[in-house]
C-alpha atoms as a PDB file:
ATOM      1  CA  MET A   1      98.400 189.521  90.013  1.00  0.00           C
ATOM      2  CA  LYS A   2      96.394 186.425  89.323  1.00  0.00           C
ATOM      3  CA  MET A   3      94.186 184.985  92.030  1.00  0.00           C
ATOM      4  CA  GLY A   4      96.090 181.685  92.300  1.00  0.00           C
ATOM      5  CA  ILE A   5      99.370 183.416  93.059  1.00  0.00           C
ATOM      6  CA  GLY A   6      97.718 185.582  95.718  1.00  0.00           C
ATOM      7  CA  ILE A   7      96.210 182.539  97.390  1.00  0.00           C
ATOM      8  CA  ALA A   8      99.572 180.725  97.288  1.00  0.00           C
ATOM      9  CA  ILE A   9     101.299 183.707  98.925  1.00  0.00           C
ATOM     10  CA  THR A  10      98.597 183.751 101.613  1.00  0.00           C
ATOM     11  CA  GLY A  11      99.253 180.044 102.231  1.00  0.00           C
ATOM     12  CA  ILE A  12     102.993 180.677 102.633  1.00  0.00           C
ATOM     13  CA  ILE A  13     102.293 183.462 105.140  1.00  0.00           C
ATOM     14  CA  MET A  14      99.908 181.204 107.070  1.00  0.00           C
ATOM     15  CA  PHE A  15     102.435 178.368 107.116  1.00  0.00           C
ATOM     16  CA  THR A  16     105.285 180.549 108.382  1.00  0.00           C
ATOM     17  CA  SER A  17     103.127 182.179 111.051  1.00  0.00           C
ATOM     18  CA  GLY A  18     102.038 178.713 112.189  1.00  0.00           C
ATOM     19  CA  LEU A  19     105.668 177.628 112.437  1.00  0.00           C
ATOM     20  CA  VAL A  20     106.515 180.704 114.488  1.00  0.00           C
ATOM     21  CA  MET A  21     103.598 180.128 116.866  1.00  0.00           C
ATOM     22  CA  PHE A  22     104.450 176.443 117.226  1.00  0.00           C
ATOM     23  CA  TYR A  23     108.213 176.674 117.726  1.00  0.00           C
ATOM     24  CA  LEU A  24     108.387 179.812 119.887  1.00  0.00           C
ATOM     25  CA  ILE A  25     106.607 178.041 122.730  1.00  0.00           C
ATOM     26  CA  GLU A  26     108.634 175.400 124.547  1.00  0.00           C
ATOM     27  CA  LEU A  27     107.423 171.840 124.827  1.00  0.00           C
ATOM     28  CA  GLY A  28     105.747 170.930 128.112  1.00  0.00           C
ATOM     29  CA  GLN A  29     104.198 174.277 128.983  1.00  0.00           C
ATOM     30  CA  THR A  30     101.597 174.059 131.716  1.00  0.00           C
ATOM     31  CA  ASP A  31     100.017 177.470 131.080  1.00  0.00           C
ATOM     32  CA  PRO A  32      96.740 176.827 129.223  1.00  0.00           C
ATOM     33  CA  LEU A  33      97.022 180.002 127.153  1.00  0.00           C
ATOM     34  CA  LEU A  34     100.480 179.054 125.812  1.00  0.00           C
ATOM     35  CA  ARG A  35      99.321 175.518 125.031  1.00  0.00           C
ATOM     36  CA  PHE A  36      96.326 176.983 123.197  1.00  0.00           C
ATOM     37  CA  VAL A  37      98.584 179.252 121.107  1.00  0.00           C
ATOM     38  CA  LYS A  38     100.820 176.269 120.287  1.00  0.00           C
ATOM     39  CA  ASN A  39      97.786 174.250 119.151  1.00  0.00           C
ATOM     40  CA  ILE A  40      96.527 177.181 117.071  1.00  0.00           C
ATOM     41  CA  GLY A  41      99.982 177.366 115.485  1.00  0.00           C
ATOM     42  CA  THR A  42      99.690 173.741 114.458  1.00  0.00           C
ATOM     43  CA  PHE A  43      96.265 174.320 112.934  1.00  0.00           C
ATOM     44  CA  VAL A  44      97.305 177.486 111.092  1.00  0.00           C
ATOM     45  CA  GLY A  45     100.456 175.822 109.724  1.00  0.00           C
ATOM     46  CA  ILE A  46      98.630 172.793 108.376  1.00  0.00           C
ATOM     47  CA  SER A  47      95.868 174.997 106.963  1.00  0.00           C
ATOM     48  CA  GLY A  48      98.524 177.148 105.307  1.00  0.00           C
ATOM     49  CA  MET A  49      99.889 174.103 103.487  1.00  0.00           C
ATOM     50  CA  GLY A  50      96.417 173.378 102.142  1.00  0.00           C
ATOM     51  CA  VAL A  51      95.836 176.978 101.088  1.00  0.00           C
ATOM     52  CA  PHE A  52      99.212 177.027  99.307  1.00  0.00           C
ATOM     53  CA  LEU A  53      98.367 173.818  97.451  1.00  0.00           C
ATOM     54  CA  ALA A  54      94.965 175.235  96.464  1.00  0.00           C
ATOM     55  CA  GLY A  55      96.628 178.386  95.137  1.00  0.00           C
ATOM     56  CA  VAL A  56      99.135 176.414  93.070  1.00  0.00           C
ATOM     57  CA  LEU A  57      96.409 174.193  91.634  1.00  0.00           C
ATOM     58  CA  LEU A  58      94.215 177.196  90.868  1.00  0.00           C
ATOM     59  CA  HIS A  59      97.127 178.856  89.074  1.00  0.00           C
ATOM     60  CA  LEU A  60      97.803 175.719  87.027  1.00  0.00           C
ATOM     61  CA  ILE A  61      94.149 175.233  86.112  1.00  0.00           C
ATOM     62  CA  ASN A  62      93.706 178.833  84.960  1.00  0.00           C
ATOM     63  CA  LYS A  63      96.925 178.906  82.978  1.00  0.00           C
ATOM     64  CA  ASN A  64      96.322 180.028  79.401  1.00  0.00           C
ATOM     65  CA  GLU A  65      97.598 177.462  76.962  1.00  0.00           C
ATOM     66  CA  PRO A  66      98.381 178.535  73.406  1.00  0.00           C
ATOM     67  CA  SER A  67      95.785 177.397  70.947  1.00  0.00           C
ATOM     68  CA  LEU A  68      96.777 174.752  68.431  1.00  0.00           C
ATOM     69  CA  LYS A  69      96.977 175.980  64.892  1.00  0.00           C
ATOM     70  CA  GLU A  70      96.656 173.203  62.401  1.00  0.00           C
ATOM     71  CA  HIS A  71      98.199 173.592  59.003  1.00  0.00           C
ATOM     72  CA  SER A  72      95.907 172.273  56.332  1.00  0.00           C
ATOM     73  CA  ASP A  73      97.551 171.919  52.957  1.00  0.00           C
ATOM     74  CA  VAL A  74      94.797 171.190  50.476  1.00  0.00           C
END
């Protein structure tokens, strides 16, 4: 597996875990620990989007393009 695809998969996992942490906790919680977990979920989700984008860009940059073969008729 290429490195870019692995990084993109890691970003998807981070994003989904951030969504789970954010949406499992109800809005308006007064417990500081639950509010902290909700804030961490926001951070992990947004970071996951960035990691996914970095993985996609890394995959596109490292993509092997076929070399051009010029036909020279002399």
